C-alpha cells in the first residue's frame, strides 16, 4: 500500500500565517478589562507569588487558574504563528538554524509590538510576561514546524 502525501504550497502557508497574525491582533485588541497600572515590568512575578503561596499553604484552584491560564493562553496564541512562520521561512537555501533564529526573533518582535501598542490602550496593560510567554509559544511552534516531516503533510 502506498502512502499519499498531502502537499501544501508555500503561498497557502503564507496566507494562513497572515490570517493567524490578523487573528492575534484581533484577539489582543478585543480583550478588555480594568487596568490598575499601565506596565507590569517584573518577569514571572505571578508565578513567584503562586509558588510562595503553594509552598506555605493550600491554594484554591481558582487562584492557580488565574495565574496559569494567561500563560497557557499566550503560549497557545503564538504557537500557530511560530509554526507557520517557520514553514514560511524554511527552505533548502537557508540553514535550519538560521530559520530558527529568524522565527524566534520575529515572534519576539511581533510580541513586543503588540505589547507596545497595548500600552497606549486605556483598558490594556503592557506586560513583560506576555512577551516572554508569547515568544515561548512561537518557540514551541517553531519546534513543531521543524518536526513536520514526521507528519503526512508536506509544506513547500
N, C-alpha and C. Protein backbone atom coordinates (compact mmCIF):
# COMPACT_ATOMS: atom_id res chain seq x y z
N UNK A 1 0.85 -1.16 0.00
CA UNK A 1 0.00 0.00 0.00
C UNK A 1 0.91 1.23 0.00
N UNK A 2 0.64 2.15 -0.90
CA UNK A 2 1.44 3.36 -0.96
C UNK A 2 0.78 4.46 -0.15
N UNK A 3 1.61 5.27 0.49
CA UNK A 3 1.11 6.38 1.28
C UNK A 3 1.01 7.61 0.40
N UNK A 4 -0.09 8.33 0.53
CA UNK A 4 -0.24 9.58 -0.19
C UNK A 4 0.15 10.71 0.74
N UNK A 5 0.92 11.61 0.21
CA UNK A 5 1.34 12.76 1.00
C UNK A 5 0.55 13.98 0.52
N UNK A 6 0.01 14.71 1.45
CA UNK A 6 -0.71 15.93 1.12
C UNK A 6 0.31 17.06 1.04
N UNK A 7 0.34 17.76 -0.07
CA UNK A 7 1.31 18.84 -0.25
C UNK A 7 0.58 20.17 -0.12
N UNK A 8 1.07 21.00 0.77
CA UNK A 8 0.52 22.34 0.97
C UNK A 8 1.56 23.33 0.49
N UNK A 9 1.23 24.11 -0.50
CA UNK A 9 2.17 25.03 -1.14
C UNK A 9 2.47 26.22 -0.23
N UNK A 10 3.65 26.82 -0.45
CA UNK A 10 4.11 27.95 0.36
C UNK A 10 3.14 29.14 0.34
N UNK A 11 2.55 29.52 -0.80
CA UNK A 11 1.61 30.65 -0.77
C UNK A 11 0.43 30.42 0.18
N UNK A 12 -0.06 29.19 0.25
CA UNK A 12 -1.14 28.88 1.18
C UNK A 12 -0.65 28.98 2.63
N UNK A 13 0.57 28.54 2.87
CA UNK A 13 1.15 28.65 4.21
C UNK A 13 1.28 30.11 4.62
N UNK A 14 1.74 30.95 3.70
CA UNK A 14 1.88 32.39 3.99
C UNK A 14 0.50 33.00 4.23
N UNK A 15 -0.49 32.60 3.46
CA UNK A 15 -1.85 33.09 3.68
C UNK A 15 -2.35 32.70 5.06
N UNK A 16 -2.12 31.46 5.46
CA UNK A 16 -2.50 31.03 6.81
C UNK A 16 -1.77 31.85 7.88
N UNK A 17 -0.49 32.13 7.64
CA UNK A 17 0.30 32.94 8.57
C UNK A 17 -0.31 34.33 8.70
N UNK A 18 -0.70 34.94 7.59
CA UNK A 18 -1.33 36.26 7.63
C UNK A 18 -2.67 36.23 8.38
N UNK A 19 -3.43 35.16 8.19
CA UNK A 19 -4.70 35.02 8.91
C UNK A 19 -4.48 34.85 10.41
N UNK A 20 -3.48 34.05 10.77
CA UNK A 20 -3.16 33.86 12.19
C UNK A 20 -2.67 35.18 12.80
N UNK A 21 -1.85 35.91 12.06
CA UNK A 21 -1.35 37.21 12.54
C UNK A 21 -2.52 38.17 12.76
N UNK A 22 -3.43 38.24 11.82
CA UNK A 22 -4.61 39.09 11.97
C UNK A 22 -5.45 38.63 13.16
N UNK A 23 -5.58 37.31 13.32
CA UNK A 23 -6.32 36.78 14.46
C UNK A 23 -5.70 37.17 15.79
N UNK A 24 -4.39 37.13 15.89
CA UNK A 24 -3.70 37.54 17.11
C UNK A 24 -3.99 39.00 17.40
N UNK A 25 -3.93 39.83 16.38
CA UNK A 25 -4.18 41.26 16.56
C UNK A 25 -5.62 41.49 17.01
N UNK A 26 -6.58 40.82 16.38
CA UNK A 26 -7.98 40.99 16.75
C UNK A 26 -8.24 40.52 18.18
N UNK A 27 -7.71 39.35 18.53
CA UNK A 27 -7.90 38.84 19.89
C UNK A 27 -7.27 39.79 20.91
N UNK A 28 -6.08 40.25 20.62
CA UNK A 28 -5.39 41.14 21.55
C UNK A 28 -6.14 42.45 21.75
N UNK A 29 -6.67 42.99 20.68
CA UNK A 29 -7.34 44.28 20.78
C UNK A 29 -8.77 44.17 21.29
N UNK A 30 -9.38 43.01 21.15
CA UNK A 30 -10.77 42.87 21.58
C UNK A 30 -10.91 42.53 23.05
N UNK A 31 -9.87 42.04 23.66
CA UNK A 31 -9.92 41.74 25.09
C UNK A 31 -9.80 43.05 25.84
N UNK A 32 -10.65 43.22 26.81
CA UNK A 32 -10.55 44.45 27.61
C UNK A 32 -10.78 44.10 29.07
N UNK A 33 -10.38 44.97 29.90
CA UNK A 33 -10.54 44.79 31.33
C UNK A 33 -10.05 46.03 32.04
N UNK A 34 -10.25 46.07 33.31
CA UNK A 34 -9.83 47.22 34.09
C UNK A 34 -8.35 47.09 34.41
N UNK A 35 -7.60 48.13 34.09
CA UNK A 35 -6.17 48.09 34.38
C UNK A 35 -5.87 49.02 35.55
N UNK A 36 -5.04 48.53 36.44
CA UNK A 36 -4.66 49.32 37.60
C UNK A 36 -3.28 49.94 37.42
N UNK A 37 -2.57 49.48 36.41
CA UNK A 37 -1.25 50.02 36.09
C UNK A 37 -1.08 49.93 34.58
N UNK A 38 -0.24 50.74 34.02
CA UNK A 38 -0.01 50.71 32.58
C UNK A 38 1.05 49.70 32.18
N UNK A 39 1.92 49.34 33.10
CA UNK A 39 3.03 48.43 32.78
C UNK A 39 3.21 47.44 33.93
N UNK A 40 3.46 46.19 33.57
CA UNK A 40 3.84 45.18 34.55
C UNK A 40 5.25 44.73 34.17
N UNK A 41 6.28 45.38 34.74
CA UNK A 41 7.64 45.15 34.26
C UNK A 41 8.40 44.01 34.93
N UNK A 42 7.80 43.32 35.90
CA UNK A 42 8.54 42.32 36.66
C UNK A 42 8.25 40.93 36.09
N UNK A 43 9.26 40.29 35.50
CA UNK A 43 9.04 38.96 34.92
C UNK A 43 8.73 37.90 35.98
N UNK A 44 7.78 37.05 35.67
CA UNK A 44 7.41 35.88 36.48
C UNK A 44 6.93 36.22 37.88
N UNK A 45 6.49 37.45 38.10
CA UNK A 45 6.04 37.85 39.44
C UNK A 45 4.84 37.02 39.90
N UNK A 46 3.88 36.80 39.01
CA UNK A 46 2.71 35.99 39.37
C UNK A 46 3.08 34.57 39.73
N UNK A 47 4.01 33.98 38.96
CA UNK A 47 4.46 32.61 39.28
C UNK A 47 5.19 32.55 40.61
N UNK A 48 6.00 33.56 40.89
CA UNK A 48 6.72 33.58 42.18
C UNK A 48 5.75 33.68 43.35
N UNK A 49 4.73 34.54 43.21
CA UNK A 49 3.73 34.66 44.28
C UNK A 49 2.95 33.36 44.45
N UNK A 50 2.58 32.75 43.34
CA UNK A 50 1.85 31.48 43.41
C UNK A 50 2.71 30.41 44.05
N UNK A 51 3.97 30.32 43.66
CA UNK A 51 4.87 29.31 44.23
C UNK A 51 5.02 29.51 45.74
N UNK A 52 5.20 30.76 46.16
CA UNK A 52 5.35 31.04 47.60
C UNK A 52 4.07 30.67 48.34
N UNK A 53 2.95 30.96 47.74
CA UNK A 53 1.68 30.64 48.39
C UNK A 53 1.46 29.13 48.46
N UNK A 54 1.78 28.43 47.39
CA UNK A 54 1.64 26.97 47.38
C UNK A 54 2.59 26.32 48.38
N UNK A 55 3.74 26.91 48.54
CA UNK A 55 4.75 26.36 49.43
C UNK A 55 4.34 26.48 50.90
N UNK A 56 3.60 27.51 51.23
CA UNK A 56 3.27 27.77 52.64
C UNK A 56 1.88 27.32 53.05
N UNK A 57 0.94 27.23 52.11
CA UNK A 57 -0.41 26.81 52.48
C UNK A 57 -1.15 26.35 51.23
N UNK A 58 -2.29 25.74 51.47
CA UNK A 58 -3.09 25.30 50.32
C UNK A 58 -3.66 26.52 49.60
N UNK A 59 -3.87 26.35 48.31
CA UNK A 59 -4.33 27.44 47.48
C UNK A 59 -5.50 26.96 46.64
N UNK A 60 -6.44 27.83 46.41
CA UNK A 60 -7.61 27.45 45.62
C UNK A 60 -7.23 27.22 44.16
N UNK A 61 -7.98 26.34 43.52
CA UNK A 61 -7.74 26.10 42.09
C UNK A 61 -8.06 27.35 41.28
N UNK A 62 -8.97 28.19 41.79
CA UNK A 62 -9.30 29.44 41.10
C UNK A 62 -8.07 30.33 41.00
N UNK A 63 -7.32 30.46 42.08
CA UNK A 63 -6.11 31.29 42.08
C UNK A 63 -5.05 30.70 41.16
N UNK A 64 -4.91 29.39 41.20
CA UNK A 64 -3.94 28.73 40.31
C UNK A 64 -4.32 28.99 38.85
N UNK A 65 -5.61 28.85 38.55
CA UNK A 65 -6.07 29.10 37.19
C UNK A 65 -5.86 30.54 36.77
N UNK A 66 -6.03 31.48 37.68
CA UNK A 66 -5.84 32.90 37.37
C UNK A 66 -4.39 33.22 36.99
N UNK A 67 -3.46 32.46 37.50
CA UNK A 67 -2.05 32.67 37.17
C UNK A 67 -1.64 31.84 35.96
N UNK A 68 -2.09 30.60 35.89
CA UNK A 68 -1.63 29.67 34.85
C UNK A 68 -2.34 29.88 33.51
N UNK A 69 -3.63 30.17 33.52
CA UNK A 69 -4.38 30.26 32.26
C UNK A 69 -3.86 31.36 31.32
N UNK A 70 -3.50 32.55 31.81
CA UNK A 70 -2.93 33.54 30.88
C UNK A 70 -1.62 33.05 30.25
N UNK A 71 -0.84 32.28 30.99
CA UNK A 71 0.40 31.73 30.45
C UNK A 71 0.08 30.76 29.32
N UNK A 72 -0.83 29.83 29.60
CA UNK A 72 -1.24 28.85 28.59
C UNK A 72 -1.85 29.56 27.39
N UNK A 73 -2.69 30.55 27.64
CA UNK A 73 -3.32 31.30 26.56
C UNK A 73 -2.31 32.00 25.66
N UNK A 74 -1.31 32.64 26.26
CA UNK A 74 -0.28 33.33 25.48
C UNK A 74 0.55 32.35 24.66
N UNK A 75 0.87 31.22 25.24
CA UNK A 75 1.64 30.21 24.50
C UNK A 75 0.82 29.68 23.33
N UNK A 76 -0.45 29.34 23.58
CA UNK A 76 -1.30 28.81 22.53
C UNK A 76 -1.61 29.84 21.45
N UNK A 77 -1.65 31.11 21.83
CA UNK A 77 -1.92 32.18 20.87
C UNK A 77 -0.80 32.29 19.83
N UNK A 78 0.44 32.15 20.27
CA UNK A 78 1.57 32.34 19.36
C UNK A 78 2.12 31.03 18.79
N UNK A 79 1.64 29.89 19.25
CA UNK A 79 2.12 28.62 18.73
C UNK A 79 1.87 28.48 17.22
N UNK A 80 0.66 28.74 16.73
CA UNK A 80 0.47 28.63 15.27
C UNK A 80 1.28 29.67 14.50
N UNK A 81 1.49 30.83 15.09
CA UNK A 81 2.30 31.86 14.45
C UNK A 81 3.72 31.35 14.23
N UNK A 82 4.33 30.79 15.27
CA UNK A 82 5.69 30.24 15.15
C UNK A 82 5.75 29.08 14.17
N UNK A 83 4.74 28.22 14.21
CA UNK A 83 4.69 27.07 13.31
C UNK A 83 4.65 27.52 11.85
N UNK A 84 3.69 28.39 11.53
CA UNK A 84 3.52 28.83 10.15
C UNK A 84 4.67 29.74 9.69
N UNK A 85 5.20 30.53 10.60
CA UNK A 85 6.34 31.39 10.24
C UNK A 85 7.56 30.53 9.91
N UNK A 86 7.81 29.50 10.71
CA UNK A 86 8.93 28.60 10.43
C UNK A 86 8.75 27.96 9.06
N UNK A 87 7.54 27.48 8.77
CA UNK A 87 7.28 26.84 7.48
C UNK A 87 7.45 27.83 6.33
N UNK A 88 7.05 29.07 6.56
CA UNK A 88 7.17 30.08 5.51
C UNK A 88 8.62 30.46 5.24
N UNK A 89 9.44 30.46 6.28
CA UNK A 89 10.84 30.88 6.14
C UNK A 89 11.78 29.74 5.76
N UNK A 90 11.41 28.51 6.08
CA UNK A 90 12.29 27.38 5.86
C UNK A 90 12.42 27.06 4.37
N UNK A 91 13.65 26.86 3.93
CA UNK A 91 13.90 26.45 2.55
C UNK A 91 15.20 25.68 2.49
N UNK A 92 15.45 25.06 1.35
CA UNK A 92 16.71 24.33 1.16
C UNK A 92 17.90 25.28 1.08
N UNK A 93 17.64 26.53 0.77
CA UNK A 93 18.72 27.52 0.60
C UNK A 93 19.09 28.23 1.91
N UNK A 94 18.31 28.01 2.96
CA UNK A 94 18.58 28.66 4.25
C UNK A 94 18.85 27.58 5.29
N UNK A 95 19.92 27.71 6.03
CA UNK A 95 20.19 26.72 7.09
C UNK A 95 19.05 26.70 8.12
N UNK A 96 18.77 25.53 8.64
CA UNK A 96 17.69 25.38 9.61
C UNK A 96 17.92 26.23 10.85
N UNK A 97 19.15 26.34 11.30
CA UNK A 97 19.46 27.16 12.48
C UNK A 97 19.09 28.62 12.21
N UNK A 98 19.38 29.09 11.02
CA UNK A 98 19.04 30.47 10.67
C UNK A 98 17.51 30.65 10.66
N UNK A 99 16.79 29.66 10.19
CA UNK A 99 15.33 29.72 10.20
C UNK A 99 14.81 29.76 11.63
N UNK A 100 15.40 28.97 12.51
CA UNK A 100 15.03 29.01 13.93
C UNK A 100 15.24 30.41 14.50
N UNK A 101 16.40 30.97 14.27
CA UNK A 101 16.74 32.29 14.83
C UNK A 101 15.78 33.35 14.28
N UNK A 102 15.55 33.34 12.97
CA UNK A 102 14.64 34.32 12.38
C UNK A 102 13.23 34.19 12.94
N UNK A 103 12.75 32.97 13.05
CA UNK A 103 11.40 32.74 13.55
C UNK A 103 11.26 33.22 14.98
N UNK A 104 12.23 32.92 15.81
CA UNK A 104 12.16 33.33 17.22
C UNK A 104 12.28 34.85 17.34
N UNK A 105 13.17 35.46 16.57
CA UNK A 105 13.31 36.92 16.62
C UNK A 105 12.06 37.63 16.11
N UNK A 106 11.44 37.11 15.07
CA UNK A 106 10.22 37.73 14.55
C UNK A 106 9.07 37.53 15.54
N UNK A 107 8.98 36.36 16.16
CA UNK A 107 7.95 36.13 17.19
C UNK A 107 8.14 37.10 18.35
N UNK A 108 9.36 37.27 18.78
CA UNK A 108 9.67 38.20 19.87
C UNK A 108 9.33 39.64 19.46
N UNK A 109 9.72 40.03 18.26
CA UNK A 109 9.47 41.40 17.79
C UNK A 109 7.97 41.67 17.65
N UNK A 110 7.24 40.71 17.11
CA UNK A 110 5.79 40.88 16.96
C UNK A 110 5.13 41.00 18.32
N UNK A 111 5.55 40.18 19.27
CA UNK A 111 5.00 40.25 20.62
C UNK A 111 5.31 41.61 21.26
N UNK A 112 6.53 42.10 21.07
CA UNK A 112 6.90 43.43 21.61
C UNK A 112 6.03 44.52 20.99
N UNK A 113 5.77 44.41 19.68
CA UNK A 113 4.94 45.41 19.00
C UNK A 113 3.51 45.39 19.54
N UNK A 114 2.97 44.20 19.77
CA UNK A 114 1.62 44.08 20.32
C UNK A 114 1.57 44.68 21.72
N UNK A 115 2.54 44.38 22.54
CA UNK A 115 2.57 44.92 23.91
C UNK A 115 2.78 46.44 23.90
N UNK A 116 3.62 46.92 23.01
CA UNK A 116 3.84 48.38 22.92
C UNK A 116 2.54 49.08 22.53
N UNK A 117 1.79 48.49 21.60
CA UNK A 117 0.51 49.09 21.21
C UNK A 117 -0.47 49.06 22.38
N UNK A 118 -0.48 47.96 23.13
CA UNK A 118 -1.39 47.85 24.27
C UNK A 118 -1.11 48.90 25.33
N UNK A 119 0.11 49.35 25.41
CA UNK A 119 0.47 50.37 26.40
C UNK A 119 -0.38 51.62 26.22
N UNK A 120 -0.75 51.92 24.98
CA UNK A 120 -1.50 53.14 24.69
C UNK A 120 -3.01 52.95 24.74
N UNK A 121 -3.46 51.73 24.97
CA UNK A 121 -4.89 51.48 25.10
C UNK A 121 -5.31 51.63 26.56
N UNK A 122 -6.41 52.33 26.83
CA UNK A 122 -6.79 52.60 28.22
C UNK A 122 -7.19 51.37 29.02
N UNK A 123 -7.63 50.30 28.35
CA UNK A 123 -8.08 49.11 29.08
C UNK A 123 -7.08 47.98 29.04
N UNK A 124 -5.87 48.23 28.59
CA UNK A 124 -4.88 47.16 28.46
C UNK A 124 -3.63 47.50 29.27
N UNK A 125 -2.88 46.46 29.59
CA UNK A 125 -1.63 46.60 30.35
C UNK A 125 -0.51 45.99 29.53
N UNK A 126 0.59 46.71 29.40
CA UNK A 126 1.78 46.15 28.76
C UNK A 126 2.50 45.29 29.80
N UNK A 127 2.70 44.03 29.49
CA UNK A 127 3.22 43.08 30.47
C UNK A 127 4.41 42.33 29.89
N UNK A 128 5.53 42.38 30.57
CA UNK A 128 6.74 41.67 30.13
C UNK A 128 6.48 40.17 30.07
N UNK A 129 5.62 39.67 30.95
CA UNK A 129 5.31 38.24 30.96
C UNK A 129 4.61 37.81 29.67
N UNK A 130 3.76 38.67 29.12
CA UNK A 130 3.12 38.35 27.85
C UNK A 130 4.17 38.20 26.76
N UNK A 131 5.15 39.06 26.74
CA UNK A 131 6.22 38.96 25.74
C UNK A 131 6.96 37.63 25.90
N UNK A 132 7.28 37.28 27.13
CA UNK A 132 8.01 36.04 27.40
C UNK A 132 7.20 34.83 26.95
N UNK A 133 5.92 34.76 27.35
CA UNK A 133 5.10 33.58 27.04
C UNK A 133 4.69 33.55 25.57
N UNK A 134 4.48 34.72 24.95
CA UNK A 134 4.21 34.74 23.50
C UNK A 134 5.41 34.20 22.73
N UNK A 135 6.59 34.65 23.12
CA UNK A 135 7.81 34.17 22.46
C UNK A 135 8.00 32.68 22.70
N UNK A 136 7.67 32.21 23.90
CA UNK A 136 7.74 30.77 24.18
C UNK A 136 6.77 30.01 23.27
N UNK A 137 5.58 30.56 23.05
CA UNK A 137 4.64 29.92 22.13
C UNK A 137 5.18 29.88 20.71
N UNK A 138 5.82 30.98 20.29
CA UNK A 138 6.46 30.99 18.97
C UNK A 138 7.56 29.95 18.88
N UNK A 139 8.31 29.77 19.97
CA UNK A 139 9.38 28.78 20.01
C UNK A 139 8.82 27.35 19.91
N UNK A 140 7.76 27.08 20.65
CA UNK A 140 7.13 25.75 20.57
C UNK A 140 6.61 25.51 19.15
N UNK A 141 5.99 26.53 18.56
CA UNK A 141 5.52 26.40 17.18
C UNK A 141 6.65 26.16 16.21
N UNK A 142 7.80 26.79 16.47
CA UNK A 142 8.98 26.60 15.64
C UNK A 142 9.43 25.14 15.70
N UNK A 143 9.50 24.58 16.90
CA UNK A 143 9.89 23.17 17.05
C UNK A 143 8.91 22.26 16.32
N UNK A 144 7.62 22.54 16.46
CA UNK A 144 6.62 21.72 15.78
C UNK A 144 6.72 21.87 14.27
N UNK A 145 7.03 23.07 13.81
CA UNK A 145 7.24 23.28 12.37
C UNK A 145 8.41 22.47 11.85
N UNK A 146 9.45 22.39 12.66
CA UNK A 146 10.62 21.61 12.26
C UNK A 146 10.31 20.11 12.27
N UNK A 147 9.45 19.69 13.16
CA UNK A 147 9.10 18.26 13.26
C UNK A 147 8.03 17.85 12.25
N UNK A 148 7.58 18.75 11.41
CA UNK A 148 6.50 18.46 10.48
C UNK A 148 6.83 17.32 9.53
N UNK A 149 8.10 17.04 9.31
CA UNK A 149 8.47 15.98 8.36
C UNK A 149 8.00 14.61 8.82
N UNK A 150 7.69 14.47 10.09
CA UNK A 150 7.18 13.19 10.60
C UNK A 150 5.69 13.02 10.33
N UNK A 151 5.04 14.08 9.88
CA UNK A 151 3.62 14.02 9.56
C UNK A 151 3.45 13.62 8.10
N UNK A 152 2.25 13.39 7.72
CA UNK A 152 1.97 13.07 6.33
C UNK A 152 1.66 14.31 5.51
N UNK A 153 2.00 15.46 6.02
CA UNK A 153 1.80 16.71 5.30
C UNK A 153 3.15 17.23 4.85
N UNK A 154 3.21 17.70 3.65
CA UNK A 154 4.44 18.27 3.11
C UNK A 154 4.18 19.75 2.85
N UNK A 155 4.95 20.62 3.50
CA UNK A 155 4.84 22.05 3.27
C UNK A 155 6.00 22.45 2.38
N UNK A 156 5.70 23.12 1.27
CA UNK A 156 6.75 23.55 0.34
C UNK A 156 6.93 25.04 0.45
